[in-house]
C-alpha atoms as a PDB file:
ATOM      1  CA  UNK A   1     -16.806  59.092   9.152  1.00  0.00           C
ATOM      2  CA  UNK A   2     -13.626  58.947  11.252  1.00  0.00           C
ATOM      3  CA  UNK A   3     -11.524  58.960   8.083  1.00  0.00           C
ATOM      4  CA  UNK A   4     -13.278  62.130   6.915  1.00  0.00           C
ATOM      5  CA  UNK A   5     -12.679  63.792  10.294  1.00  0.00           C
ATOM      6  CA  UNK A   6      -8.974  62.939  10.199  1.00  0.00           C
ATOM      7  CA  UNK A   7      -8.606  64.016   6.580  1.00  0.00           C
ATOM      8  CA  UNK A   8     -10.368  67.390   6.828  1.00  0.00           C
ATOM      9  CA  UNK A   9     -10.005  68.794  10.367  1.00  0.00           C
ATOM     10  CA  UNK A  10      -9.521  72.403   9.224  1.00  0.00           C
ATOM     11  CA  UNK A  11     -12.706  72.391   7.136  1.00  0.00           C
ATOM     12  CA  UNK A  12     -14.766  70.928   9.968  1.00  0.00           C
ATOM     13  CA  UNK A  13     -13.276  73.448  12.391  1.00  0.00           C
ATOM     14  CA  UNK A  14     -14.149  76.342  10.073  1.00  0.00           C
ATOM     15  CA  UNK A  15     -17.774  75.202   9.758  1.00  0.00           C
ATOM     16  CA  UNK A  16     -18.111  74.781  13.535  1.00  0.00           C
ATOM     17  CA  UNK A  17     -16.626  78.208  14.262  1.00  0.00           C
ATOM     18  CA  UNK A  18     -18.907  79.850  11.706  1.00  0.00           C
ATOM     19  CA  UNK A  19     -21.908  78.095  13.238  1.00  0.00           C
ATOM     20  CA  UNK A  20     -20.953  79.267  16.724  1.00  0.00           C
ATOM     21  CA  UNK A  21     -20.577  82.838  15.457  1.00  0.00           C
ATOM     22  CA  UNK A  22     -24.025  82.741  13.855  1.00  0.00           C
ATOM     23  CA  UNK A  23     -25.631  81.335  17.006  1.00  0.00           C
ATOM     24  CA  UNK A  24     -24.004  84.027  19.165  1.00  0.00           C
ATOM     25  CA  UNK A  25     -25.200  86.705  16.753  1.00  0.00           C
ATOM     26  CA  UNK A  26     -28.791  85.512  16.382  1.00  0.00           C
ATOM     27  CA  UNK A  27     -29.388  84.398  20.002  1.00  0.00           C
ATOM     28  CA  UNK A  28     -28.704  87.557  22.016  1.00  0.00           C
ATOM     29  CA  UNK A  29     -29.914  86.080  25.334  1.00  0.00           C
ATOM     30  CA  UNK A  30     -26.954  83.726  25.741  1.00  0.00           C
ATOM     31  CA  UNK A  31     -25.038  84.302  28.984  1.00  0.00           C
ATOM     32  CA  UNK A  32     -21.610  85.910  28.668  1.00  0.00           C
ATOM     33  CA  UNK A  33     -19.960  83.077  30.607  1.00  0.00           C
ATOM     34  CA  UNK A  34     -21.201  80.538  28.062  1.00  0.00           C
ATOM     35  CA  UNK A  35     -19.920  82.617  25.154  1.00  0.00           C
ATOM     36  CA  UNK A  36     -16.500  82.981  26.787  1.00  0.00           C
ATOM     37  CA  UNK A  37     -16.320  79.258  27.538  1.00  0.00           C
ATOM     38  CA  UNK A  38     -17.149  78.397  23.937  1.00  0.00           C
ATOM     39  CA  UNK A  39     -14.568  80.929  22.712  1.00  0.00           C
ATOM     40  CA  UNK A  40     -11.894  79.298  24.906  1.00  0.00           C
ATOM     41  CA  UNK A  41     -12.854  75.855  23.614  1.00  0.00           C
ATOM     42  CA  UNK A  42     -12.698  77.107  20.016  1.00  0.00           C
ATOM     43  CA  UNK A  43      -9.168  78.392  20.601  1.00  0.00           C
ATOM     44  CA  UNK A  44      -8.116  75.044  22.067  1.00  0.00           C
ATOM     45  CA  UNK A  45      -9.594  73.097  19.184  1.00  0.00           C
ATOM     46  CA  UNK A  46      -7.932  75.502  16.749  1.00  0.00           C
ATOM     47  CA  UNK A  47      -4.555  74.661  18.255  1.00  0.00           C
ATOM     48  CA  UNK A  48      -5.266  70.951  17.854  1.00  0.00           C
ATOM     49  CA  UNK A  49      -6.310  71.423  14.226  1.00  0.00           C
ATOM     50  CA  UNK A  50      -3.155  73.422  13.543  1.00  0.00           C
ATOM     51  CA  UNK A  51      -0.955  70.688  15.023  1.00  0.00           C
ATOM     52  CA  UNK A  52      -2.772  68.052  12.962  1.00  0.00           C
ATOM     53  CA  UNK A  53      -2.230  70.029   9.760  1.00  0.00           C
ATOM     54  CA  UNK A  54       1.436  70.615  10.658  1.00  0.00           C
ATOM     55  CA  UNK A  55       1.861  66.878  11.178  1.00  0.00           C
ATOM     56  CA  UNK A  56       0.377  66.147   7.774  1.00  0.00           C
ATOM     57  CA  UNK A  57       2.754  68.695   6.233  1.00  0.00           C
ATOM     58  CA  UNK A  58       5.752  67.135   7.977  1.00  0.00           C
ATOM     59  CA  UNK A  59       4.648  63.686   6.848  1.00  0.00           C
ATOM     60  CA  UNK A  60       4.585  64.982   3.283  1.00  0.00           C
ATOM     61  CA  UNK A  61       8.255  65.997   3.661  1.00  0.00           C
ATOM     62  CA  UNK A  62       7.814  69.775   3.508  1.00  0.00           C
ATOM     63  CA  UNK A  63       9.661  71.988   5.992  1.00  0.00           C
ATOM     64  CA  UNK A  64       8.629  75.413   7.376  1.00  0.00           C
ATOM     65  CA  UNK A  65      10.073  77.265   4.364  1.00  0.00           C
ATOM     66  CA  UNK A  66       8.091  75.222   1.859  1.00  0.00           C
ATOM     67  CA  UNK A  67      11.109  73.136   0.792  1.00  0.00           C
ATOM     68  CA  UNK A  68      10.402  69.498   0.109  1.00  0.00           C
ATOM     69  CA  UNK A  69      12.677  66.551   0.800  1.00  0.00           C
ATOM     70  CA  UNK A  70      11.664  64.866  -2.431  1.00  0.00           C
ATOM     71  CA  UNK A  71      13.263  65.535  -5.815  1.00  0.00           C
ATOM     72  CA  UNK A  72       9.934  66.903  -7.041  1.00  0.00           C
ATOM     73  CA  UNK A  73       8.824  70.472  -6.346  1.00  0.00           C
ATOM     74  CA  UNK A  74       5.697  71.188  -4.343  1.00  0.00           C
ATOM     75  CA  UNK A  75       2.712  71.464  -6.672  1.00  0.00           C
ATOM     76  CA  UNK A  76       4.032  69.211  -9.383  1.00  0.00           C
END
């Protein structure tokens, strides 16, 4: 389970954010403070997911412009 979480953080994040959006939409009696707190937490987790994905990209040897350090092109 931990391996799956580390391998696919962006997918898990997307499912959680979609679930939160559906709950907020279909449960109108939620307090505004709770919704704002969850929104702030979602933004924080999003930053963590982005840094994780950036780290995986750096580990693969690809810089910000999509140029790889290996002799092979990206996608080959």
